[in-house]
Amino acid sequence: MSPVVDILSLDHEGHGVARIDGKVTFVDGALAGERAEIAVYRKHAKYNSANAVGILKASAQRADPQCRYFGRCGGCSMQHLEAGAQVAAKQRVLEENLARIGKVTPELILRALHGPAWHYRHRARLSVRRVDKKGGILVGFHEKRSSFIADMDGCEVLTPDVSALIRPLRDLILGLSNSDRIPQIEIAAGERITVLVFRLLEPWTDEDAVRIRTFAERHGIQIWEQRKGPETARPFWPLDAPELGYSLPEFDLVMPFRPTEFTQVNTAINRALVSRALRLLAPRPGERIVDLFCGLGNFTLPIARSGAAVHGIEGSGELVARARENALRNRLPNATFAVDNLFEMTPEKFAALGPIDKLLIDPPRSGAIEVVKALPDTGGPHRLVYVSCDPATLARDAEVLVHVKGYRLKAAGVANMFPHTAHVESIALFER
């Protein structure tokens, strides 16, 4: 007989938390306050992993998943939880990490940034695999806890035009000579064009090329090919497509980018996040501001638009080149850029940057521990805005900022960059 448990809470991945004979059990598909029948699929020394096979008492926050592939596809994990409750759960994850890891509490909890809950993904990496017994070609996301690809014809979080391409892509690839040598397709949907980058382990034949060109013209997209690393990606057809890019209308900015360069997946939330970061940072003409992990200038150029002198630093030479091009394109000579490995920051390297009034940090998931350790104990930037895609590393870095460097955590809050997933994007303001 399957065990029946009471779900006590949600963990940071959106799993229900229960106890069986005192042992913690993480239950996929169950929500806090529910009573569920479960099937344990893995036993560990200190915890169990289980699936909910029946909900005997449902939470008032339970929602009907909009996607018919939910539960099988691993792209989303929280469609069964009402959208507002998802955001509240992410806010709790942020606060709990700050308290437990960083031993800090924000003076103000910022209102969560919301956006569209569906069709929000402008960036995605779709896997491709030939599986003859499932109709030939599968295109989509991996199944939950599996290397297999979910058998899907559409996706409720991709933009509608990209979602509608999944079935035609399956049919297209099935007819190509290298159908078993295309492991993935990277999607970049801009404001004027959608680009599909095909990763090719074997080149297309002339007959394939005719099919690809016809497909691109029929669906109004641009197709790129990538033979090796991202630097080898190049346009295939059409060669005269509109420019790929996004805009930040509040700051009168246009941001072109290559489809293999990093940009945020959620255009609406990115705009809201940039707006909030600029309000918290409050740049002024005459100030000198440094933007670390600046990428292609997503925050740097809005700062420059304020009239402040801003210097962006990024480890990728390709992204710095793009940032310089974007500054020139938007007529912002007060934005300068440099390439440096910020994971090897030292107090000496930080001091060499010169006087800094304010600092913005937007690191990858690994955080910015060497940067915060390199900050001077006194003086230096009096205001710091930290944009984070991992609450644990933000909390770790916040402990140093508050308990070692003397900053106060003035405010923190989440931005729902990835609805229906457990990903927590957040922003924090530190002052001293």
Protein backbone atom coordinates (compact mmCIF):
# COMPACT_ATOMS: atom_id res chain seq x y z
CA MET A 1 0.00 0.00 0.00
CA SER A 2 1.31 3.47 -0.88
CA PRO A 3 2.13 5.68 2.13
CA VAL A 4 -0.17 8.62 2.92
CA VAL A 5 1.55 11.75 4.23
CA ASP A 6 0.77 15.32 5.27
CA ILE A 7 2.78 17.90 3.34
CA LEU A 8 4.33 20.30 5.82
CA SER A 9 5.97 22.84 3.50
CA LEU A 10 7.63 23.40 0.12
CA ASP A 11 11.38 23.15 -0.38
CA HIS A 12 13.46 25.51 -2.53
CA GLU A 13 12.86 23.31 -5.61
CA GLY A 14 9.07 23.36 -5.22
CA HIS A 15 8.76 19.84 -3.80
CA GLY A 16 6.43 19.09 -0.92
CA VAL A 17 8.17 18.22 2.35
CA ALA A 18 6.77 15.41 4.51
CA ARG A 19 8.10 13.04 7.17
CA ILE A 20 7.84 9.26 7.27
CA ASP A 21 8.88 7.85 10.64
CA GLY A 22 10.84 11.04 11.23
CA LYS A 23 12.70 10.86 7.90
CA VAL A 24 12.32 13.82 5.56
CA THR A 25 10.60 12.92 2.29
CA PHE A 26 10.52 15.26 -0.69
CA VAL A 27 7.32 14.78 -2.69
CA ASP A 28 7.16 15.91 -6.29
CA GLY A 29 3.70 17.19 -7.23
CA ALA A 30 2.43 17.91 -3.70
CA LEU A 31 1.84 21.29 -2.05
CA ALA A 32 2.03 22.56 1.51
CA GLY A 33 -1.09 21.74 3.52
CA GLU A 34 -2.07 18.80 1.33
CA ARG A 35 -2.58 15.18 2.25
CA ALA A 36 -1.13 12.94 -0.42
CA GLU A 37 -0.68 9.33 -1.36
CA ILE A 38 2.92 8.91 -2.48
CA ALA A 39 5.27 6.47 -4.16
CA VAL A 40 8.89 6.56 -2.99
CA TYR A 41 11.22 6.19 -5.97
CA ARG A 42 14.57 6.71 -4.26
CA LYS A 43 15.79 6.20 -0.69
CA HIS A 44 18.83 8.07 0.60
CA ALA A 45 20.56 7.83 3.94
CA LYS A 46 18.99 11.03 5.26
CA TYR A 47 15.91 11.55 3.06
CA ASN A 48 13.54 9.97 0.57
CA SER A 49 12.40 11.17 -2.85
CA ALA A 50 8.81 10.46 -3.87
CA ASN A 51 6.06 11.26 -6.34
CA ALA A 52 2.50 12.19 -5.37
CA VAL A 53 0.24 9.55 -6.92
CA GLY A 54 -2.98 10.86 -5.37
CA ILE A 55 -4.08 14.07 -3.65
CA LEU A 56 -6.51 13.20 -0.86
CA LYS A 57 -6.81 16.75 0.46
CA ALA A 58 -5.96 19.55 -1.96
CA SER A 59 -4.49 22.95 -1.15
CA ALA A 60 -6.58 26.01 -1.93
CA GLN A 61 -3.54 27.20 -3.89
CA ARG A 62 -3.54 24.20 -6.22
CA ALA A 63 -4.04 25.11 -9.88
CA ASP A 64 -4.81 23.10 -13.00
CA PRO A 65 -1.63 22.95 -15.12
CA GLN A 66 -2.15 24.73 -18.43
CA CYS A 67 0.34 22.55 -20.28
CA ARG A 68 -0.71 19.02 -21.18
CA TYR A 69 2.90 17.86 -20.90
CA PHE A 70 3.32 19.05 -17.31
CA GLY A 71 4.50 16.24 -15.08
CA ARG A 72 6.34 14.55 -17.92
CA CYS A 73 8.34 17.44 -19.36
CA GLY A 74 11.06 18.69 -17.02
CA GLY A 75 10.88 22.30 -18.21
CA CYS A 76 8.40 23.38 -15.50
CA SER A 77 8.00 22.16 -11.93
CA MET A 78 5.32 24.41 -10.39
CA GLN A 79 2.37 24.73 -12.79
CA HIS A 80 0.20 22.99 -10.19
CA LEU A 81 0.69 25.96 -7.83
CA GLU A 82 -1.26 29.19 -8.33
CA ALA A 83 0.94 31.90 -9.90
CA GLY A 84 0.80 34.31 -6.95
CA ALA A 85 1.64 31.52 -4.52
CA GLN A 86 4.67 30.60 -6.67
CA VAL A 87 6.04 34.11 -6.20
CA ALA A 88 5.34 34.05 -2.46
CA ALA A 89 7.22 30.74 -2.22
CA LYS A 90 10.21 32.25 -4.01
CA GLN A 91 10.17 35.23 -1.67
CA ARG A 92 10.28 32.82 1.30
CA VAL A 93 13.24 31.01 -0.28
CA LEU A 94 15.10 34.31 -0.59
CA GLU A 95 14.35 35.38 2.99
CA GLU A 96 15.22 31.95 4.42
CA ASN A 97 18.54 31.87 2.57
CA LEU A 98 19.45 35.37 3.73
CA ALA A 99 18.63 34.44 7.33
CA ARG A 100 20.15 30.94 7.40
CA ILE A 101 23.24 31.39 5.25
CA GLY A 102 23.90 35.12 5.44
CA LYS A 103 22.57 35.75 8.95
CA VAL A 104 21.02 38.96 7.65
CA THR A 105 17.51 40.38 7.40
CA PRO A 106 16.53 43.08 4.89
CA GLU A 107 15.15 46.26 6.41
CA LEU A 108 12.56 46.34 3.61
CA ILE A 109 11.02 43.53 1.56
CA LEU A 110 10.54 44.80 -1.97
CA ARG A 111 7.30 44.08 -3.80
CA ALA A 112 7.82 41.12 -6.08
CA LEU A 113 8.18 41.87 -9.79
CA HIS A 114 5.52 40.03 -11.80
CA GLY A 115 5.08 39.60 -15.51
CA PRO A 116 3.28 37.31 -17.95
CA ALA A 117 3.01 33.78 -16.54
CA TRP A 118 2.73 32.15 -19.98
CA HIS A 119 4.55 32.52 -23.30
CA TYR A 120 7.31 34.54 -21.63
CA ARG A 121 10.42 32.66 -22.79
CA HIS A 122 12.28 34.49 -25.52
CA ARG A 123 15.37 32.28 -25.09
CA ALA A 124 15.51 28.48 -24.95
CA ARG A 125 17.69 25.54 -25.86
CA LEU A 126 15.69 22.70 -27.36
CA SER A 127 17.14 19.21 -27.53
CA VAL A 128 16.78 17.11 -30.67
CA ARG A 129 16.91 13.32 -30.94
CA ARG A 130 15.96 10.76 -33.54
CA VAL A 131 13.71 8.11 -31.95
CA ASP A 132 12.09 6.06 -34.68
CA LYS A 133 9.61 4.29 -32.41
CA LYS A 134 8.18 7.68 -31.33
CA GLY A 135 7.56 9.03 -34.79
CA GLY A 136 11.12 9.74 -35.87
CA ILE A 137 12.27 13.07 -34.39
CA LEU A 138 11.67 14.60 -30.97
CA VAL A 139 12.26 18.31 -30.38
CA GLY A 140 11.78 19.84 -26.94
CA PHE A 141 12.88 19.79 -23.33
CA HIS A 142 14.13 16.78 -21.40
CA GLU A 143 11.68 14.67 -19.47
CA LYS A 144 11.67 15.09 -15.71
CA ARG A 145 14.72 13.42 -14.10
CA SER A 146 15.70 11.90 -17.44
CA SER A 147 17.99 12.34 -20.43
CA PHE A 148 15.09 11.42 -22.73
CA ILE A 149 13.31 14.20 -24.62
CA ALA A 150 9.64 14.79 -23.91
CA ASP A 151 7.32 13.92 -26.80
CA MET A 152 5.71 17.35 -27.28
CA ASP A 153 4.10 19.39 -30.06
CA GLY A 154 4.06 22.75 -28.29
CA CYS A 155 5.08 24.59 -25.12
CA GLU A 156 3.04 27.00 -23.01
CA VAL A 157 6.03 29.03 -21.78
CA LEU A 158 7.72 29.59 -25.15
CA THR A 159 6.48 32.50 -27.25
CA PRO A 160 3.48 31.39 -29.35
CA ASP A 161 5.37 31.58 -32.65
CA VAL A 162 8.22 29.43 -31.32
CA SER A 163 5.83 26.94 -29.69
CA ALA A 164 4.06 26.55 -33.03
CA LEU A 165 7.38 25.62 -34.66
CA ILE A 166 8.00 22.44 -32.63
CA ARG A 167 5.91 20.10 -34.79
CA PRO A 168 7.10 21.64 -38.10
CA LEU A 169 10.70 21.34 -36.85
CA ARG A 170 10.18 17.65 -36.14
CA ASP A 171 8.93 17.14 -39.69
CA LEU A 172 11.72 19.25 -41.19
CA ILE A 173 14.56 17.47 -39.40
CA LEU A 174 13.14 14.05 -40.17
CA GLY A 175 13.70 14.76 -43.87
CA LEU A 176 17.31 15.99 -43.52
CA SER A 177 20.32 13.84 -44.35
CA ASN A 178 21.92 14.62 -40.95
CA SER A 179 18.77 14.19 -38.85
CA ASP A 180 20.66 12.13 -36.27
CA ARG A 181 23.53 14.66 -36.10
CA ILE A 182 21.62 17.71 -34.82
CA PRO A 183 21.70 17.55 -31.00
CA GLN A 184 20.09 20.91 -30.21
CA ILE A 185 18.48 24.09 -31.50
CA GLU A 186 19.02 27.36 -29.65
CA ILE A 187 16.12 29.82 -29.81
CA ALA A 188 16.49 33.60 -29.64
CA ALA A 189 13.29 35.59 -30.17
CA GLY A 190 13.94 39.29 -30.68
CA GLU A 191 11.53 42.13 -31.30
CA ARG A 192 11.92 42.00 -35.08
CA ILE A 193 13.08 38.47 -35.84
CA THR A 194 13.27 34.99 -34.29
CA VAL A 195 16.54 33.13 -34.82
CA LEU A 196 17.04 29.35 -34.64
CA VAL A 197 20.64 28.18 -34.27
CA PHE A 198 21.09 24.56 -35.37
CA ARG A 199 24.02 22.77 -33.74
CA LEU A 200 25.43 20.59 -36.51
CA LEU A 201 27.73 17.63 -35.96
CA GLU A 202 27.60 17.03 -39.70
CA PRO A 203 26.97 19.69 -42.38
CA TRP A 204 23.85 19.99 -44.50
CA THR A 205 23.84 18.76 -48.09
CA ASP A 206 22.73 20.98 -50.97
CA GLU A 207 19.33 19.26 -50.87
CA ASP A 208 19.10 19.92 -47.11
CA ALA A 209 19.94 23.58 -47.71
CA VAL A 210 16.96 23.95 -50.06
CA ARG A 211 14.65 22.50 -47.37
CA ILE A 212 16.13 24.81 -44.71
CA ARG A 213 15.72 27.94 -46.84
CA THR A 214 12.14 27.04 -47.68
CA PHE A 215 11.36 26.43 -43.99
CA ALA A 216 12.88 29.78 -42.93
CA GLU A 217 10.92 31.71 -45.55
CA ARG A 218 7.65 29.90 -44.84
CA HIS A 219 7.82 30.67 -41.09
CA GLY A 220 9.41 34.14 -41.26
CA ILE A 221 12.46 33.23 -39.18
CA GLN A 222 16.23 33.30 -39.62
CA ILE A 223 18.24 30.08 -39.35
CA TRP A 224 21.88 29.98 -38.23
CA GLU A 225 24.25 27.02 -38.25
CA GLN A 226 26.86 26.22 -35.59
CA ARG A 227 29.51 23.63 -36.46
CA LYS A 228 31.55 23.75 -33.22
CA GLY A 229 31.62 26.26 -30.33
CA PRO A 230 29.32 29.31 -30.06
CA GLU A 231 31.92 31.45 -31.85
CA THR A 232 31.37 29.36 -35.02
CA ALA A 233 27.66 30.24 -35.25
CA ARG A 234 26.82 32.13 -38.44
CA PRO A 235 23.69 33.11 -40.38
CA PHE A 236 22.55 30.53 -42.92
CA TRP A 237 19.26 31.93 -44.30
CA PRO A 238 18.14 34.57 -44.93
CA LEU A 239 21.33 36.62 -44.89
CA ASP A 240 19.46 39.94 -44.94
CA ALA A 241 17.13 39.29 -41.98
CA PRO A 242 16.14 42.12 -39.61
CA GLU A 243 18.48 42.80 -36.70
CA LEU A 244 18.13 40.56 -33.63
CA GLY A 245 17.73 42.66 -30.50
CA TYR A 246 15.60 43.88 -27.62
CA SER A 247 14.76 47.36 -26.35
CA LEU A 248 14.56 49.14 -23.02
CA PRO A 249 12.00 51.85 -23.87
CA GLU A 250 12.17 53.54 -20.45
CA PHE A 251 15.80 54.42 -21.21
CA ASP A 252 15.44 54.87 -24.98
CA LEU A 253 17.84 51.99 -25.65
CA VAL A 254 18.09 49.41 -28.41
CA MET A 255 20.24 46.37 -27.60
CA PRO A 256 21.31 44.22 -30.58
CA PHE A 257 22.84 40.81 -29.81
CA ARG A 258 23.96 37.59 -31.45
CA PRO A 259 21.70 34.59 -30.76
CA THR A 260 24.50 32.80 -28.90
CA GLU A 261 25.20 35.76 -26.57
CA PHE A 262 23.64 35.83 -23.10
CA THR A 263 20.44 37.81 -22.67
CA GLN A 264 17.60 37.33 -20.19
CA VAL A 265 14.86 34.91 -21.25
CA ASN A 266 11.99 37.10 -20.03
CA THR A 267 11.86 40.48 -21.78
CA ALA A 268 9.07 41.93 -19.63
CA ILE A 269 10.72 41.03 -16.33
CA ASN A 270 14.12 42.16 -17.57
CA ARG A 271 12.67 45.61 -18.25
CA ALA A 272 11.11 45.70 -14.78
CA LEU A 273 14.33 44.49 -13.17
CA VAL A 274 16.46 47.11 -14.94
CA SER A 275 13.98 49.80 -13.91
CA ARG A 276 14.09 48.70 -10.27
CA ALA A 277 17.90 48.42 -10.25
CA LEU A 278 18.20 51.97 -11.56
CA ARG A 279 15.76 53.31 -8.97
CA LEU A 280 17.69 51.60 -6.17
CA LEU A 281 21.07 52.67 -7.51
CA ALA A 282 19.85 56.23 -8.19
CA PRO A 283 22.72 57.26 -10.52
CA ARG A 284 23.37 60.97 -10.88
CA PRO A 285 25.43 63.08 -13.28
CA GLY A 286 28.92 63.56 -11.87
CA GLU A 287 29.00 60.17 -10.14
CA ARG A 288 31.34 57.36 -11.13
CA ILE A 289 29.69 53.94 -11.12
CA VAL A 290 31.10 50.48 -11.86
CA ASP A 291 28.96 47.64 -13.27
CA LEU A 292 30.52 44.21 -12.66
CA PHE A 293 29.57 41.17 -14.76
CA CYS A 294 28.10 43.73 -17.17
CA GLY A 295 27.46 41.39 -20.11
CA LEU A 296 26.38 43.31 -23.20
CA GLY A 297 25.47 46.39 -21.14
CA ASN A 298 21.97 45.50 -19.91
CA PHE A 299 22.42 47.67 -16.80
CA THR A 300 25.47 49.67 -17.90
CA LEU A 301 23.74 51.60 -20.66
CA PRO A 302 20.69 52.59 -18.58
CA ILE A 303 23.13 53.87 -15.93
CA ALA A 304 24.96 55.84 -18.61
CA ARG A 305 21.67 57.32 -19.80
CA SER A 306 21.38 58.99 -16.36
CA GLY A 307 24.48 61.04 -17.08
CA ALA A 308 26.79 59.22 -14.65
CA ALA A 309 30.15 57.94 -15.82
CA VAL A 310 29.90 54.15 -15.80
CA HIS A 311 32.55 51.50 -16.32
CA GLY A 312 31.44 47.95 -17.13
CA ILE A 313 33.63 44.90 -16.56
CA GLU A 314 32.96 41.42 -17.94
CA GLY A 315 35.01 38.25 -18.36
CA SER A 316 33.86 37.57 -21.91
CA GLY A 317 35.69 39.53 -24.59
CA GLU A 318 32.86 38.84 -27.04
CA LEU A 319 30.28 40.38 -24.69
CA VAL A 320 32.48 43.40 -23.97
CA ALA A 321 32.85 43.99 -27.70
CA ARG A 322 29.06 43.82 -28.00
CA ALA A 323 28.65 46.24 -25.05
CA ARG A 324 30.98 48.74 -26.70
CA GLU A 325 29.04 48.46 -29.96
CA ASN A 326 25.78 49.00 -28.08
CA ALA A 327 27.15 52.07 -26.29
CA LEU A 328 28.22 53.51 -29.64
CA ARG A 329 24.89 52.60 -31.22
CA ASN A 330 23.01 54.41 -28.43
CA ARG A 331 25.40 57.41 -28.39
CA LEU A 332 26.65 56.91 -24.84
CA PRO A 333 30.33 57.92 -24.69
CA ASN A 334 30.17 57.99 -20.87
CA ALA A 335 29.99 54.16 -20.82
CA THR A 336 33.38 52.44 -20.96
CA PHE A 337 34.19 48.73 -20.75
CA ALA A 338 37.01 46.34 -19.93
CA VAL A 339 37.62 42.59 -19.96
CA ASP A 340 38.70 41.02 -16.67
CA ASN A 341 38.25 37.80 -14.72
CA LEU A 342 36.09 38.94 -11.81
CA PHE A 343 36.43 35.56 -10.11
CA GLU A 344 40.06 36.54 -9.46
CA MET A 345 39.34 39.99 -8.03
CA THR A 346 41.73 41.20 -5.31
CA PRO A 347 41.79 44.30 -3.09
CA GLU A 348 44.68 45.60 -5.18
CA LYS A 349 42.79 45.15 -8.47
CA PHE A 350 39.69 46.77 -6.99
CA ALA A 351 41.68 49.75 -5.69
CA ALA A 352 43.20 50.17 -9.15
CA LEU A 353 39.71 50.88 -10.52
CA GLY A 354 39.89 54.29 -8.84
CA PRO A 355 37.20 56.21 -6.93
CA ILE A 356 33.77 54.55 -7.14
CA ASP A 357 30.59 56.15 -5.82
CA LYS A 358 28.23 53.24 -6.47
CA LEU A 359 28.50 49.64 -7.59
CA LEU A 360 26.18 47.24 -9.43
CA ILE A 361 26.90 43.50 -9.43
CA ASP A 362 25.04 40.97 -11.61
CA PRO A 363 27.03 37.71 -11.32
CA PRO A 364 26.22 34.19 -12.55
CA ARG A 365 24.93 31.52 -10.17
CA SER A 366 28.33 31.15 -8.49
CA GLY A 367 28.01 34.66 -7.10
CA ALA A 368 30.66 37.33 -6.52
CA ILE A 369 32.50 36.27 -3.36
CA GLU A 370 35.95 37.45 -4.52
CA VAL A 371 34.49 40.82 -5.49
CA VAL A 372 32.83 41.44 -2.13
CA LYS A 373 35.93 40.27 -0.24
CA ALA A 374 38.00 42.73 -2.29
CA LEU A 375 35.89 45.76 -1.32
CA PRO A 376 37.65 48.19 1.00
CA ASP A 377 36.62 48.00 4.67
CA THR A 378 36.02 51.76 4.68
CA GLY A 379 35.37 54.23 1.91
CA GLY A 380 34.66 52.82 -1.50
CA PRO A 381 31.16 52.62 -2.98
CA HIS A 382 28.52 53.75 -0.49
CA ARG A 383 25.67 52.08 -2.37
CA LEU A 384 25.68 48.62 -3.93
CA VAL A 385 22.91 46.96 -5.94
CA TYR A 386 23.27 43.18 -6.26
CA VAL A 387 21.21 41.34 -8.90
CA SER A 388 21.24 37.60 -8.24
CA CYS A 389 20.09 34.41 -9.97
CA ASP A 390 20.88 32.23 -6.92
CA PRO A 391 19.63 33.14 -3.42
CA ALA A 392 22.22 30.92 -1.72
CA THR A 393 25.24 32.71 -3.22
CA LEU A 394 23.58 36.10 -2.68
CA ALA A 395 23.13 35.19 0.99
CA ARG A 396 26.76 34.01 1.26
CA ASP A 397 28.00 37.28 -0.25
CA ALA A 398 25.57 39.32 1.88
CA GLU A 399 27.15 37.86 5.03
CA VAL A 400 30.51 39.32 3.97
CA LEU A 401 29.02 42.65 2.94
CA VAL A 402 27.11 43.11 6.19
CA HIS A 403 29.23 41.41 8.85
CA VAL A 404 32.70 42.12 7.43
CA LYS A 405 32.43 45.17 5.18
CA GLY A 406 29.95 47.15 7.24
CA TYR A 407 27.09 47.50 4.77
CA ARG A 408 23.42 47.43 5.75
CA LEU A 409 20.99 45.30 3.78
CA LYS A 410 18.44 47.99 3.07
CA ALA A 411 16.08 46.04 0.82
CA ALA A 412 15.63 42.78 -1.06
CA GLY A 413 12.98 41.12 -3.19
CA VAL A 414 12.37 38.66 -6.00
CA ALA A 415 11.63 39.00 -9.71
CA ASN A 416 9.64 36.17 -11.24
CA MET A 417 11.95 35.72 -14.23
CA PHE A 418 10.99 32.04 -14.74
CA PRO A 419 7.31 31.44 -13.85
CA HIS A 420 6.36 27.80 -13.13
CA THR A 421 9.95 26.91 -12.22
CA ALA A 422 11.77 27.02 -8.89
CA HIS A 423 14.36 29.49 -10.23
CA VAL A 424 14.66 32.53 -7.94
CA GLU A 425 15.89 35.81 -9.41
CA SER A 426 16.33 38.57 -6.85
CA ILE A 427 17.72 42.02 -6.24
CA ALA A 428 19.19 43.56 -3.07
CA LEU A 429 20.32 47.01 -2.00
CA PHE A 430 23.27 47.51 0.37
CA GLU A 431 24.38 50.84 1.83
CA ARG A 432 26.97 52.17 4.26
